Amino acid sequence: MAKFDVTSLKLDDRGLIPAIVQDFSTGEVLMMAWMNKDAILQTLESGTATFWSRSRQCIWVKGLTSGNTQKLEEIRIDCDRDCLLLLVTPNGPACHTNRRHCFYTEIQNGHEKILIKPET
């Protein structure tokens, strides 16, 4: 087993890598976010999913304000080393719209269909 080196990842020209977040127990895809080296290292150290907010230009600890945290169970690197998969145990909805996941809109026959409603 090789020691993980964050510099072995292929980050884009902004220093970011996409991260798909999946529910550890169900396999459901919850969201996609961006990570930089600091977010990756903080996630590994804290055990809580941490990302890079492109809109705020800062580290974003998932659930810090909402309480909807994501406990890291596993992190995987794809074969090209340019995408991450975080397997998490979610504590509440993953989406900022208060839905379980962010992929709630389906394109069906050229029209958009909302598949799930926000949690109350």
PDB file of N, CA and C in Angstrom:
ATOM      1  N   MET A   1       0.848  -1.174   0.000  1.00  0.00           N
ATOM      2  CA  MET A   1       0.000   0.000   0.000  1.00  0.00           C
ATOM      3  C   MET A   1       0.896   1.240   0.000  1.00  0.00           C
ATOM      4  N   ALA A   2       0.684   2.139  -0.971  1.00  0.00           N
ATOM      5  CA  ALA A   2       1.484   3.355  -1.090  1.00  0.00           C
ATOM      6  C   ALA A   2       0.907   4.468  -0.218  1.00  0.00           C
ATOM      7  N   LYS A   3       1.779   5.280   0.316  1.00  0.00           N
ATOM      8  CA  LYS A   3       1.349   6.435   1.106  1.00  0.00           C
ATOM      9  C   LYS A   3       0.704   7.463   0.168  1.00  0.00           C
ATOM     10  N   PHE A   4      -0.426   8.039   0.579  1.00  0.00           N
ATOM     11  CA  PHE A   4      -1.126   9.024  -0.235  1.00  0.00           C
ATOM     12  C   PHE A   4      -0.356  10.335  -0.257  1.00  0.00           C
ATOM     13  N   ASP A   5      -0.204  10.892  -1.451  1.00  0.00           N
ATOM     14  CA  ASP A   5       0.437  12.186  -1.650  1.00  0.00           C
ATOM     15  C   ASP A   5      -0.525  13.055  -2.450  1.00  0.00           C
ATOM     16  N   VAL A   6      -1.061  14.095  -1.825  1.00  0.00           N
ATOM     17  CA  VAL A   6      -2.062  14.947  -2.465  1.00  0.00           C
ATOM     18  C   VAL A   6      -1.532  15.564  -3.762  1.00  0.00           C
ATOM     19  N   THR A   7      -0.220  15.731  -3.877  1.00  0.00           N
ATOM     20  CA  THR A   7       0.341  16.322  -5.090  1.00  0.00           C
ATOM     21  C   THR A   7       0.286  15.365  -6.279  1.00  0.00           C
ATOM     22  N   SER A   8      -0.063  14.103  -6.036  1.00  0.00           N
ATOM     23  CA  SER A   8      -0.190  13.140  -7.135  1.00  0.00           C
ATOM     24  C   SER A   8      -1.506  13.305  -7.891  1.00  0.00           C
ATOM     25  N   LEU A   9      -2.436  14.108  -7.354  1.00  0.00           N
ATOM     26  CA  LEU A   9      -3.721  14.332  -8.012  1.00  0.00           C
ATOM     27  C   LEU A   9      -3.566  15.351  -9.136  1.00  0.00           C
ATOM     28  N   LYS A  10      -4.400  15.216 -10.156  1.00  0.00           N
ATOM     29  CA  LYS A  10      -4.386  16.145 -11.282  1.00  0.00           C
ATOM     30  C   LYS A  10      -5.458  17.208 -11.061  1.00  0.00           C
ATOM     31  N   LEU A  11      -5.020  18.345 -10.563  1.00  0.00           N
ATOM     32  CA  LEU A  11      -5.924  19.461 -10.320  1.00  0.00           C
ATOM     33  C   LEU A  11      -6.020  20.315 -11.580  1.00  0.00           C
ATOM     34  N   ASP A  12      -7.130  21.051 -11.732  1.00  0.00           N
ATOM     35  CA  ASP A  12      -7.265  21.914 -12.901  1.00  0.00           C
ATOM     36  C   ASP A  12      -6.417  23.177 -12.721  1.00  0.00           C
ATOM     37  N   ASP A  13      -6.505  24.095 -13.655  1.00  0.00           N
ATOM     38  CA  ASP A  13      -5.669  25.299 -13.610  1.00  0.00           C
ATOM     39  C   ASP A  13      -6.018  26.237 -12.458  1.00  0.00           C
ATOM     40  N   ARG A  14      -7.136  25.985 -11.779  1.00  0.00           N
ATOM     41  CA  ARG A  14      -7.511  26.762 -10.590  1.00  0.00           C
ATOM     42  C   ARG A  14      -7.110  26.043  -9.306  1.00  0.00           C
ATOM     43  N   GLY A  15      -6.486  24.866  -9.460  1.00  0.00           N
ATOM     44  CA  GLY A  15      -6.084  24.081  -8.292  1.00  0.00           C
ATOM     45  C   GLY A  15      -7.221  23.269  -7.707  1.00  0.00           C
ATOM     46  N   LEU A  16      -8.231  22.945  -8.534  1.00  0.00           N
ATOM     47  CA  LEU A  16      -9.424  22.250  -8.060  1.00  0.00           C
ATOM     48  C   LEU A  16      -9.566  20.884  -8.713  1.00  0.00           C
ATOM     49  N   ILE A  17     -10.288  20.014  -8.019  1.00  0.00           N
ATOM     50  CA  ILE A  17     -10.617  18.681  -8.515  1.00  0.00           C
ATOM     51  C   ILE A  17     -12.083  18.422  -8.184  1.00  0.00           C
ATOM     52  N   PRO A  18     -12.862  17.857  -9.130  1.00  0.00           N
ATOM     53  CA  PRO A  18     -14.262  17.553  -8.818  1.00  0.00           C
ATOM     54  C   PRO A  18     -14.359  16.383  -7.844  1.00  0.00           C
ATOM     55  N   ALA A  19     -15.357  16.451  -6.982  1.00  0.00           N
ATOM     56  CA  ALA A  19     -15.605  15.395  -6.002  1.00  0.00           C
ATOM     57  C   ALA A  19     -17.085  15.009  -6.042  1.00  0.00           C
ATOM     58  N   ILE A  20     -17.331  13.761  -6.366  1.00  0.00           N
ATOM     59  CA  ILE A  20     -18.686  13.219  -6.323  1.00  0.00           C
ATOM     60  C   ILE A  20     -18.910  12.692  -4.909  1.00  0.00           C
ATOM     61  N   VAL A  21     -20.063  13.005  -4.338  1.00  0.00           N
ATOM     62  CA  VAL A  21     -20.374  12.560  -2.980  1.00  0.00           C
ATOM     63  C   VAL A  21     -21.507  11.549  -3.054  1.00  0.00           C
ATOM     64  N   GLN A  22     -21.268  10.387  -2.460  1.00  0.00           N
ATOM     65  CA  GLN A  22     -22.206   9.267  -2.531  1.00  0.00           C
ATOM     66  C   GLN A  22     -22.512   8.781  -1.116  1.00  0.00           C
ATOM     67  N   ASP A  23     -23.772   8.402  -0.885  1.00  0.00           N
ATOM     68  CA  ASP A  23     -24.177   7.850   0.406  1.00  0.00           C
ATOM     69  C   ASP A  23     -23.508   6.486   0.585  1.00  0.00           C
ATOM     70  N   PHE A  24     -22.771   6.320   1.654  1.00  0.00           N
ATOM     71  CA  PHE A  24     -22.013   5.099   1.919  1.00  0.00           C
ATOM     72  C   PHE A  24     -22.911   3.871   2.019  1.00  0.00           C
ATOM     73  N   SER A  25     -24.066   4.015   2.658  1.00  0.00           N
ATOM     74  CA  SER A  25     -24.915   2.839   2.892  1.00  0.00           C
ATOM     75  C   SER A  25     -25.850   2.516   1.741  1.00  0.00           C
ATOM     76  N   THR A  26     -26.294   3.529   0.978  1.00  0.00           N
ATOM     77  CA  THR A  26     -27.274   3.267  -0.089  1.00  0.00           C
ATOM     78  C   THR A  26     -26.681   3.323  -1.493  1.00  0.00           C
ATOM     79  N   GLY A  27     -25.542   3.967  -1.645  1.00  0.00           N
ATOM     80  CA  GLY A  27     -24.951   4.131  -2.964  1.00  0.00           C
ATOM     81  C   GLY A  27     -25.536   5.303  -3.747  1.00  0.00           C
ATOM     82  N   GLU A  28     -26.498   5.997  -3.185  1.00  0.00           N
ATOM     83  CA  GLU A  28     -27.143   7.124  -3.866  1.00  0.00           C
ATOM     84  C   GLU A  28     -26.150   8.277  -4.044  1.00  0.00           C
ATOM     85  N   VAL A  29     -26.101   8.847  -5.248  1.00  0.00           N
ATOM     86  CA  VAL A  29     -25.264  10.017  -5.495  1.00  0.00           C
ATOM     87  C   VAL A  29     -25.969  11.227  -4.884  1.00  0.00           C
ATOM     88  N   LEU A  30     -25.258  11.938  -4.016  1.00  0.00           N
ATOM     89  CA  LEU A  30     -25.855  13.046  -3.280  1.00  0.00           C
ATOM     90  C   LEU A  30     -25.558  14.408  -3.898  1.00  0.00           C
ATOM     91  N   MET A  31     -24.325  14.611  -4.319  1.00  0.00           N
ATOM     92  CA  MET A  31     -23.936  15.929  -4.803  1.00  0.00           C
ATOM     93  C   MET A  31     -22.585  15.859  -5.489  1.00  0.00           C
ATOM     94  N   MET A  32     -22.218  16.956  -6.107  1.00  0.00           N
ATOM     95  CA  MET A  32     -20.888  17.144  -6.668  1.00  0.00           C
ATOM     96  C   MET A  32     -20.386  18.474  -6.143  1.00  0.00           C
ATOM     97  N   ALA A  33     -19.130  18.519  -5.780  1.00  0.00           N
ATOM     98  CA  ALA A  33     -18.529  19.767  -5.301  1.00  0.00           C
ATOM     99  C   ALA A  33     -17.067  19.780  -5.733  1.00  0.00           C
ATOM    100  N   TRP A  34     -16.405  20.867  -5.454  1.00  0.00           N
ATOM    101  CA  TRP A  34     -14.995  21.020  -5.804  1.00  0.00           C
ATOM    102  C   TRP A  34     -14.144  20.982  -4.550  1.00  0.00           C
ATOM    103  N   MET A  35     -12.954  20.426  -4.695  1.00  0.00           N
ATOM    104  CA  MET A  35     -11.998  20.396  -3.589  1.00  0.00           C
ATOM    105  C   MET A  35     -10.659  20.933  -4.087  1.00  0.00           C
ATOM    106  N   ASN A  36      -9.921  21.564  -3.182  1.00  0.00           N
ATOM    107  CA  ASN A  36      -8.533  21.897  -3.451  1.00  0.00           C
ATOM    108  C   ASN A  36      -7.678  21.083  -2.482  1.00  0.00           C
ATOM    109  N   LYS A  37      -6.370  21.250  -2.531  1.00  0.00           N
ATOM    110  CA  LYS A  37      -5.493  20.446  -1.668  1.00  0.00           C
ATOM    111  C   LYS A  37      -5.845  20.615  -0.195  1.00  0.00           C
ATOM    112  N   ASP A  38      -6.095  21.848   0.235  1.00  0.00           N
ATOM    113  CA  ASP A  38      -6.421  22.094   1.638  1.00  0.00           C
ATOM    114  C   ASP A  38      -7.718  21.403   2.042  1.00  0.00           C
ATOM    115  N   ALA A  39      -8.727  21.449   1.176  1.00  0.00           N
ATOM    116  CA  ALA A  39     -10.012  20.807   1.483  1.00  0.00           C
ATOM    117  C   ALA A  39      -9.850  19.293   1.590  1.00  0.00           C
ATOM    118  N   ILE A  40      -9.040  18.720   0.710  1.00  0.00           N
ATOM    119  CA  ILE A  40      -8.792  17.273   0.756  1.00  0.00           C
ATOM    120  C   ILE A  40      -8.116  16.902   2.063  1.00  0.00           C
ATOM    121  N   LEU A  41      -7.051  17.623   2.396  1.00  0.00           N
ATOM    122  CA  LEU A  41      -6.312  17.325   3.624  1.00  0.00           C
ATOM    123  C   LEU A  41      -7.168  17.547   4.866  1.00  0.00           C
ATOM    124  N   GLN A  42      -7.980  18.603   4.865  1.00  0.00           N
ATOM    125  CA  GLN A  42      -8.863  18.869   6.017  1.00  0.00           C
ATOM    126  C   GLN A  42      -9.924  17.781   6.146  1.00  0.00           C
ATOM    127  N   THR A  43     -10.456  17.307   5.012  1.00  0.00           N
ATOM    128  CA  THR A  43     -11.440  16.222   5.034  1.00  0.00           C
ATOM    129  C   THR A  43     -10.823  14.968   5.629  1.00  0.00           C
ATOM    130  N   LEU A  44      -9.627  14.627   5.193  1.00  0.00           N
ATOM    131  CA  LEU A  44      -8.954  13.432   5.701  1.00  0.00           C
ATOM    132  C   LEU A  44      -8.636  13.560   7.185  1.00  0.00           C
ATOM    133  N   GLU A  45      -8.251  14.748   7.615  1.00  0.00           N
ATOM    134  CA  GLU A  45      -7.892  14.964   9.018  1.00  0.00           C
ATOM    135  C   GLU A  45      -9.109  14.999   9.935  1.00  0.00           C
ATOM    136  N   SER A  46     -10.168  15.689   9.488  1.00  0.00           N
ATOM    137  CA  SER A  46     -11.339  15.882  10.355  1.00  0.00           C
ATOM    138  C   SER A  46     -12.366  14.761  10.260  1.00  0.00           C
ATOM    139  N   GLY A  47     -12.402  14.078   9.102  1.00  0.00           N
ATOM    140  CA  GLY A  47     -13.425  13.061   8.897  1.00  0.00           C
ATOM    141  C   GLY A  47     -14.767  13.632   8.495  1.00  0.00           C
ATOM    142  N   THR A  48     -14.813  14.920   8.203  1.00  0.00           N
ATOM    143  CA  THR A  48     -16.028  15.597   7.756  1.00  0.00           C
ATOM    144  C   THR A  48     -15.776  16.176   6.368  1.00  0.00           C
ATOM    145  N   ALA A  49     -16.721  15.949   5.446  1.00  0.00           N
ATOM    146  CA  ALA A  49     -16.564  16.436   4.076  1.00  0.00           C
ATOM    147  C   ALA A  49     -16.369  17.952   4.066  1.00  0.00           C
ATOM    148  N   THR A  50     -15.291  18.365   3.415  1.00  0.00           N
ATOM    149  CA  THR A  50     -14.912  19.772   3.329  1.00  0.00           C
ATOM    150  C   THR A  50     -14.567  20.069   1.883  1.00  0.00           C
ATOM    151  N   PHE A  51     -15.048  21.189   1.374  1.00  0.00           N
ATOM    152  CA  PHE A  51     -14.906  21.502  -0.037  1.00  0.00           C
ATOM    153  C   PHE A  51     -14.346  22.905  -0.222  1.00  0.00           C
ATOM    154  N   TRP A  52     -14.162  23.296  -1.490  1.00  0.00           N
ATOM    155  CA  TRP A  52     -13.782  24.650  -1.855  1.00  0.00           C
ATOM    156  C   TRP A  52     -15.004  25.314  -2.481  1.00  0.00           C
ATOM    157  N   SER A  53     -15.429  26.418  -1.922  1.00  0.00           N
ATOM    158  CA  SER A  53     -16.562  27.161  -2.469  1.00  0.00           C
ATOM    159  C   SER A  53     -16.046  28.113  -3.537  1.00  0.00           C
ATOM    160  N   ARG A  54     -16.424  27.866  -4.773  1.00  0.00           N
ATOM    161  CA  ARG A  54     -15.999  28.745  -5.870  1.00  0.00           C
ATOM    162  C   ARG A  54     -16.677  30.105  -5.774  1.00  0.00           C
ATOM    163  N   SER A  55     -17.911  30.155  -5.287  1.00  0.00           N
ATOM    164  CA  SER A  55     -18.616  31.440  -5.198  1.00  0.00           C
ATOM    165  C   SER A  55     -18.067  32.309  -4.066  1.00  0.00           C
ATOM    166  N   ARG A  56     -17.730  31.691  -2.945  1.00  0.00           N
ATOM    167  CA  ARG A  56     -17.208  32.451  -1.803  1.00  0.00           C
ATOM    168  C   ARG A  56     -15.680  32.517  -1.780  1.00  0.00           C
ATOM    169  N   GLN A  57     -15.037  31.678  -2.618  1.00  0.00           N
ATOM    170  CA  GLN A  57     -13.574  31.617  -2.676  1.00  0.00           C
ATOM    171  C   GLN A  57     -12.956  31.298  -1.310  1.00  0.00           C
ATOM    172  N   CYS A  58     -13.516  30.257  -0.666  1.00  0.00           N
ATOM    173  CA  CYS A  58     -12.976  29.847   0.630  1.00  0.00           C
ATOM    174  C   CYS A  58     -13.327  28.388   0.908  1.00  0.00           C
ATOM    175  N   ILE A  59     -12.674  27.830   1.912  1.00  0.00           N
ATOM    176  CA  ILE A  59     -12.974  26.476   2.368  1.00  0.00           C
ATOM    177  C   ILE A  59     -14.395  26.458   2.915  1.00  0.00           C
ATOM    178  N   TRP A  60     -15.114  25.377   2.617  1.00  0.00           N
ATOM    179  CA  TRP A  60     -16.504  25.229   3.022  1.00  0.00           C
ATOM    180  C   TRP A  60     -16.657  23.853   3.683  1.00  0.00           C
ATOM    181  N   VAL A  61     -16.891  23.838   4.976  1.00  0.00           N
ATOM    182  CA  VAL A  61     -17.152  22.598   5.698  1.00  0.00           C
ATOM    183  C   VAL A  61     -18.634  22.294   5.548  1.00  0.00           C
ATOM    184  N   LYS A  62     -18.953  21.214   4.855  1.00  0.00           N
ATOM    185  CA  LYS A  62     -20.345  20.859   4.585  1.00  0.00           C
ATOM    186  C   LYS A  62     -21.108  20.725   5.900  1.00  0.00           C
ATOM    187  N   GLY A  63     -22.184  21.492   6.028  1.00  0.00           N
ATOM    188  CA  GLY A  63     -23.054  21.406   7.195  1.00  0.00           C
ATOM    189  C   GLY A  63     -22.652  22.270   8.371  1.00  0.00           C
ATOM    190  N   LEU A  64     -21.613  23.076   8.213  1.00  0.00           N
ATOM    191  CA  LEU A  64     -21.153  23.901   9.337  1.00  0.00           C
ATOM    192  C   LEU A  64     -22.256  24.826   9.832  1.00  0.00           C
ATOM    193  N   THR A  65     -23.021  25.415   8.906  1.00  0.00           N
ATOM    194  CA  THR A  65     -24.111  26.304   9.331  1.00  0.00           C
ATOM    195  C   THR A  65     -25.453  25.591   9.386  1.00  0.00           C
ATOM    196  N   SER A  66     -25.700  24.640   8.488  1.00  0.00           N
ATOM    197  CA  SER A  66     -27.006  23.969   8.428  1.00  0.00           C
ATOM    198  C   SER A  66     -27.113  22.778   9.381  1.00  0.00           C
ATOM    199  N   GLY A  67     -25.986  22.208   9.763  1.00  0.00           N
ATOM    200  CA  GLY A  67     -26.003  20.983  10.561  1.00  0.00           C
ATOM    201  C   GLY A  67     -26.066  19.729   9.715  1.00  0.00           C
ATOM    202  N   ASN A  68     -26.196  19.884   8.394  1.00  0.00           N
ATOM    203  CA  ASN A  68     -26.296  18.742   7.478  1.00  0.00           C
ATOM    204  C   ASN A  68     -24.899  18.268   7.064  1.00  0.00           C
ATOM    205  N   THR A  69     -24.173  17.750   8.023  1.00  0.00           N
ATOM    206  CA  THR A  69     -22.801  17.326   7.796  1.00  0.00           C
ATOM    207  C   THR A  69     -22.738  16.007   7.043  1.00  0.00           C
ATOM    208  N   GLN A  70     -21.541  15.695   6.569  1.00  0.00           N
ATOM    209  CA  GLN A  70     -21.297  14.428   5.876  1.00  0.00           C
ATOM    210  C   GLN A  70     -20.048  13.801   6.489  1.00  0.00           C
ATOM    211  N   LYS A  71     -20.249  12.680   7.192  1.00  0.00           N
ATOM    212  CA  LYS A  71     -19.128  11.973   7.824  1.00  0.00           C
ATOM    213  C   LYS A  71     -18.423  11.126   6.768  1.00  0.00           C
ATOM    214  N   LEU A  72     -17.141  11.350   6.602  1.00  0.00           N
ATOM    215  CA  LEU A  72     -16.364  10.609   5.609  1.00  0.00           C
ATOM    216  C   LEU A  72     -16.178   9.163   6.047  1.00  0.00           C
ATOM    217  N   GLU A  73     -16.551   8.241   5.166  1.00  0.00           N
ATOM    218  CA  GLU A  73     -16.319   6.817   5.399  1.00  0.00           C
ATOM    219  C   GLU A  73     -15.136   6.327   4.550  1.00  0.00           C
ATOM    220  N   GLU A  74     -15.113   6.749   3.279  1.00  0.00           N
ATOM    221  CA  GLU A  74     -14.029   6.386   2.365  1.00  0.00           C
ATOM    222  C   GLU A  74     -13.837   7.523   1.376  1.00  0.00           C
ATOM    223  N   ILE A  75     -12.635   7.623   0.850  1.00  0.00           N
ATOM    224  CA  ILE A  75     -12.379   8.524  -0.262  1.00  0.00           C
ATOM    225  C   ILE A  75     -11.618   7.723  -1.310  1.00  0.00           C
ATOM    226  N   ARG A  76     -12.054   7.863  -2.555  1.00  0.00           N
ATOM    227  CA  ARG A  76     -11.447   7.108  -3.649  1.00  0.00           C
ATOM    228  C   ARG A  76     -10.997   8.067  -4.738  1.00  0.00           C
ATOM    229  N   ILE A  77      -9.981   7.635  -5.475  1.00  0.00           N
ATOM    230  CA  ILE A  77      -9.417   8.408  -6.581  1.00  0.00           C
ATOM    231  C   ILE A  77      -9.707   7.648  -7.862  1.00  0.00           C
ATOM    232  N   ASP A  78     -10.151   8.347  -8.914  1.00  0.00           N
ATOM    233  CA  ASP A  78     -10.414   7.658 -10.176  1.00  0.00           C
ATOM    234  C   ASP A  78      -9.091   7.307 -10.873  1.00  0.00           C
ATOM    235  N   CYS A  79      -9.209   6.518 -11.927  1.00  0.00           N
ATOM    236  CA  CYS A  79      -8.030   5.974 -12.615  1.00  0.00           C
ATOM    237  C   CYS A  79      -7.128   7.046 -13.213  1.00  0.00           C
ATOM    238  N   ASP A  80      -7.683   8.183 -13.606  1.00  0.00           N
ATOM    239  CA  ASP A  80      -6.884   9.276 -14.165  1.00  0.00           C
ATOM    240  C   ASP A  80      -6.371  10.226 -13.090  1.00  0.00           C
ATOM    241  N   ARG A  81      -6.787  10.013 -11.861  1.00  0.00           N
ATOM    242  CA  ARG A  81      -6.402  10.833 -10.709  1.00  0.00           C
ATOM    243  C   ARG A  81      -6.873  12.284 -10.852  1.00  0.00           C
ATOM    244  N   ASP A  82      -8.008  12.463 -11.588  1.00  0.00           N
ATOM    245  CA  ASP A  82      -8.530  13.821 -11.772  1.00  0.00           C
ATOM    246  C   ASP A  82      -9.962  13.987 -11.275  1.00  0.00           C
ATOM    247  N   CYS A  83     -10.423  13.033 -10.463  1.00  0.00           N
ATOM    248  CA  CYS A  83     -11.753  13.112  -9.863  1.00  0.00           C
ATOM    249  C   CYS A  83     -11.751  12.274  -8.585  1.00  0.00           C
ATOM    250  N   LEU A  84     -12.477  12.737  -7.588  1.00  0.00           N
ATOM    251  CA  LEU A  84     -12.573  12.021  -6.318  1.00  0.00           C
ATOM    252  C   LEU A  84     -13.998  11.529  -6.100  1.00  0.00           C
ATOM    253  N   LEU A  85     -14.113  10.456  -5.342  1.00  0.00           N
ATOM    254  CA  LEU A  85     -15.400   9.934  -4.890  1.00  0.00           C
ATOM    255  C   LEU A  85     -15.349   9.883  -3.372  1.00  0.00           C
ATOM    256  N   LEU A  86     -16.253  10.624  -2.737  1.00  0.00           N
ATOM    257  CA  LEU A  86     -16.358  10.594  -1.284  1.00  0.00           C
ATOM    258  C   LEU A  86     -17.569   9.761  -0.913  1.00  0.00           C
ATOM    259  N   LEU A  87     -17.354   8.729  -0.137  1.00  0.00           N
ATOM    260  CA  LEU A  87     -18.437   7.914   0.397  1.00  0.00           C
ATOM    261  C   LEU A  87     -18.670   8.405   1.818  1.00  0.00           C
ATOM    262  N   VAL A  88     -19.894   8.884   2.065  1.00  0.00           N
ATOM    263  CA  VAL A  88     -20.184   9.564   3.324  1.00  0.00           C
ATOM    264  C   VAL A  88     -21.431   8.996   3.989  1.00  0.00           C
ATOM    265  N   THR A  89     -21.533   9.249   5.272  1.00  0.00           N
ATOM    266  CA  THR A  89     -22.780   9.047   6.004  1.00  0.00           C
ATOM    267  C   THR A  89     -23.353  10.443   6.231  1.00  0.00           C
ATOM    268  N   PRO A  90     -24.461  10.762   5.515  1.00  0.00           N
ATOM    269  CA  PRO A  90     -25.018  12.107   5.627  1.00  0.00           C
ATOM    270  C   PRO A  90     -25.852  12.284   6.895  1.00  0.00           C
ATOM    271  N   ASN A  91     -25.822  13.492   7.417  1.00  0.00           N
ATOM    272  CA  ASN A  91     -26.664  13.874   8.540  1.00  0.00           C
ATOM    273  C   ASN A  91     -27.599  14.965   8.029  1.00  0.00           C
ATOM    274  N   GLY A  92     -28.644  14.549   7.320  1.00  0.00           N
ATOM    275  CA  GLY A  92     -29.577  15.504   6.747  1.00  0.00           C
ATOM    276  C   GLY A  92     -29.398  15.640   5.252  1.00  0.00           C
ATOM    277  N   PRO A  93     -30.183  16.524   4.637  1.00  0.00           N
ATOM    278  CA  PRO A  93     -30.147  16.707   3.190  1.00  0.00           C
ATOM    279  C   PRO A  93     -28.774  17.193   2.713  1.00  0.00           C
ATOM    280  N   ALA A  94     -28.386  16.757   1.503  1.00  0.00           N
ATOM    281  CA  ALA A  94     -27.113  17.186   0.923  1.00  0.00           C
ATOM    282  C   ALA A  94     -27.251  18.495   0.166  1.00  0.00           C
ATOM    283  N   CYS A  95     -28.426  18.761  -0.386  1.00  0.00           N
ATOM    284  CA  CYS A  95     -28.617  19.917  -1.260  1.00  0.00           C
ATOM    285  C   CYS A  95     -28.995  21.170  -0.465  1.00  0.00           C
ATOM    286  N   HIS A  96     -28.499  22.316  -0.933  1.00  0.00           N
ATOM    287  CA  HIS A  96     -28.834  23.590  -0.280  1.00  0.00           C
ATOM    288  C   HIS A  96     -30.317  23.938  -0.441  1.00  0.00           C
ATOM    289  N   THR A  97     -31.037  23.216  -1.330  1.00  0.00           N
ATOM    290  CA  THR A  97     -32.476  23.426  -1.483  1.00  0.00           C
ATOM    291  C   THR A  97     -33.268  22.583  -0.490  1.00  0.00           C
ATOM    292  N   ASN A  98     -32.564  21.925   0.424  1.00  0.00           N
ATOM    293  CA  ASN A  98     -33.131  21.075   1.469  1.00  0.00           C
ATOM    294  C   ASN A  98     -33.700  19.762   0.913  1.00  0.00           C
ATOM    295  N   ARG A  99     -33.133  19.306  -0.189  1.00  0.00           N
ATOM    296  CA  ARG A  99     -33.486  18.001  -0.743  1.00  0.00           C
ATOM    297  C   ARG A  99     -32.395  17.005  -0.383  1.00  0.00           C
ATOM    298  N   ARG A 100     -32.760  15.737  -0.351  1.00  0.00           N
ATOM    299  CA  ARG A 100     -31.812  14.688   0.028  1.00  0.00           C
ATOM    300  C   ARG A 100     -30.559  14.714  -0.832  1.00  0.00           C
ATOM    301  N   HIS A 101     -30.717  14.980  -2.137  1.00  0.00           N
ATOM    302  CA  HIS A 101     -29.573  15.068  -3.045  1.00  0.00           C
ATOM    303  C   HIS A 101     -29.793  16.211  -4.023  1.00  0.00           C
ATOM    304  N   CYS A 102     -28.756  16.549  -4.752  1.00  0.00           N
ATOM    305  CA  CYS A 102     -28.808  17.684  -5.678  1.00  0.00           C
ATOM    306  C   CYS A 102     -29.346  17.319  -7.058  1.00  0.00           C
ATOM    307  N   PHE A 103     -29.466  16.039  -7.353  1.00  0.00           N
ATOM    308  CA  PHE A 103     -29.873  15.597  -8.689  1.00  0.00           C
ATOM    309  C   PHE A 103     -31.363  15.250  -8.704  1.00  0.00           C
ATOM    310  N   TYR A 104     -32.179  16.260  -8.461  1.00  0.00           N
ATOM    311  CA  TYR A 104     -33.620  16.055  -8.333  1.00  0.00           C
ATOM    312  C   TYR A 104     -34.406  16.490  -9.577  1.00  0.00           C
ATOM    313  N   THR A 105     -33.711  16.976 -10.607  1.00  0.00           N
ATOM    314  CA  THR A 105     -34.382  17.399 -11.833  1.00  0.00           C
ATOM    315  C   THR A 105     -34.020  16.451 -12.966  1.00  0.00           C
ATOM    316  N   GLU A 106     -35.023  15.865 -13.584  1.00  0.00           N
ATOM    317  CA  GLU A 106     -34.831  14.945 -14.700  1.00  0.00           C
ATOM    318  C   GLU A 106     -35.264  15.639 -15.990  1.00  0.00           C
ATOM    319  N   ILE A 107     -34.527  15.383 -17.058  1.00  0.00           N
ATOM    320  CA  ILE A 107     -34.959  15.855 -18.378  1.00  0.00           C
ATOM    321  C   ILE A 107     -35.701  14.699 -19.026  1.00  0.00           C
ATOM    322  N   GLN A 108     -36.971  14.921 -19.319  1.00  0.00           N
ATOM    323  CA  GLN A 108     -37.845  13.870 -19.837  1.00  0.00           C
ATOM    324  C   GLN A 108     -38.577  14.409 -21.069  1.00  0.00           C
ATOM    325  N   ASN A 109     -38.310  13.817 -22.226  1.00  0.00           N
ATOM    326  CA  ASN A 109     -38.949  14.255 -23.477  1.00  0.00           C
ATOM    327  C   ASN A 109     -38.782  15.757 -23.714  1.00  0.00           C
ATOM    328  N   GLY A 110     -37.574  16.263 -23.431  1.00  0.00           N
ATOM    329  CA  GLY A 110     -37.292  17.671 -23.666  1.00  0.00           C
ATOM    330  C   GLY A 110     -37.827  18.620 -22.613  1.00  0.00           C
ATOM    331  N   HIS A 111     -38.373  18.089 -21.527  1.00  0.00           N
ATOM    332  CA  HIS A 111     -38.916  18.924 -20.459  1.00  0.00           C
ATOM    333  C   HIS A 111     -38.271  18.539 -19.129  1.00  0.00           C
ATOM    334  N   GLU A 112     -38.220  19.496 -18.234  1.00  0.00           N
ATOM    335  CA  GLU A 112     -37.682  19.230 -16.905  1.00  0.00           C
ATOM    336  C   GLU A 112     -38.789  18.759 -15.967  1.00  0.00           C
ATOM    337  N   LYS A 113     -38.461  17.749 -15.188  1.00  0.00           N
ATOM    338  CA  LYS A 113     -39.412  17.213 -14.219  1.00  0.00           C
ATOM    339  C   LYS A 113     -38.720  17.155 -12.858  1.00  0.00           C
ATOM    340  N   ILE A 114     -39.330  17.770 -11.855  1.00  0.00           N
ATOM    341  CA  ILE A 114     -38.800  17.740 -10.485  1.00  0.00           C
ATOM    342  C   ILE A 114     -39.198  16.398  -9.862  1.00  0.00           C
ATOM    343  N   LEU A 115     -38.192  15.644  -9.409  1.00  0.00           N
ATOM    344  CA  LEU A 115     -38.434  14.291  -8.900  1.00  0.00           C
ATOM    345  C   LEU A 115     -38.708  14.236  -7.401  1.00  0.00           C
ATOM    346  N   ILE A 116     -38.093  15.129  -6.627  1.00  0.00           N
ATOM    347  CA  ILE A 116     -38.304  15.114  -5.172  1.00  0.00           C
ATOM    348  C   ILE A 116     -38.523  16.531  -4.674  1.00  0.00           C
ATOM    349  N   LYS A 117     -39.303  16.638  -3.628  1.00  0.00           N
ATOM    350  CA  LYS A 117     -39.583  17.927  -3.005  1.00  0.00           C
ATOM    351  C   LYS A 117     -38.620  18.155  -1.841  1.00  0.00           C
ATOM    352  N   PRO A 118     -38.460  19.415  -1.454  1.00  0.00           N
ATOM    353  CA  PRO A 118     -37.604  19.698  -0.291  1.00  0.00           C
ATOM    354  C   PRO A 118     -38.133  19.002   0.962  1.00  0.00           C
ATOM    355  N   GLU A 119     -37.207  18.630   1.823  1.00  0.00           N
ATOM    356  CA  GLU A 119     -37.596  18.059   3.123  1.00  0.00           C
ATOM    357  C   GLU A 119     -38.094  19.180   4.009  1.00  0.00           C
ATOM    358  N   THR A 120     -38.997  18.837   4.896  1.00  0.00           N
ATOM    359  CA  THR A 120     -39.528  19.869   5.804  1.00  0.00           C
ATOM    360  C   THR A 120     -39.010  19.686   7.191  1.00  0.00           C
TER     361      THR A 120
END
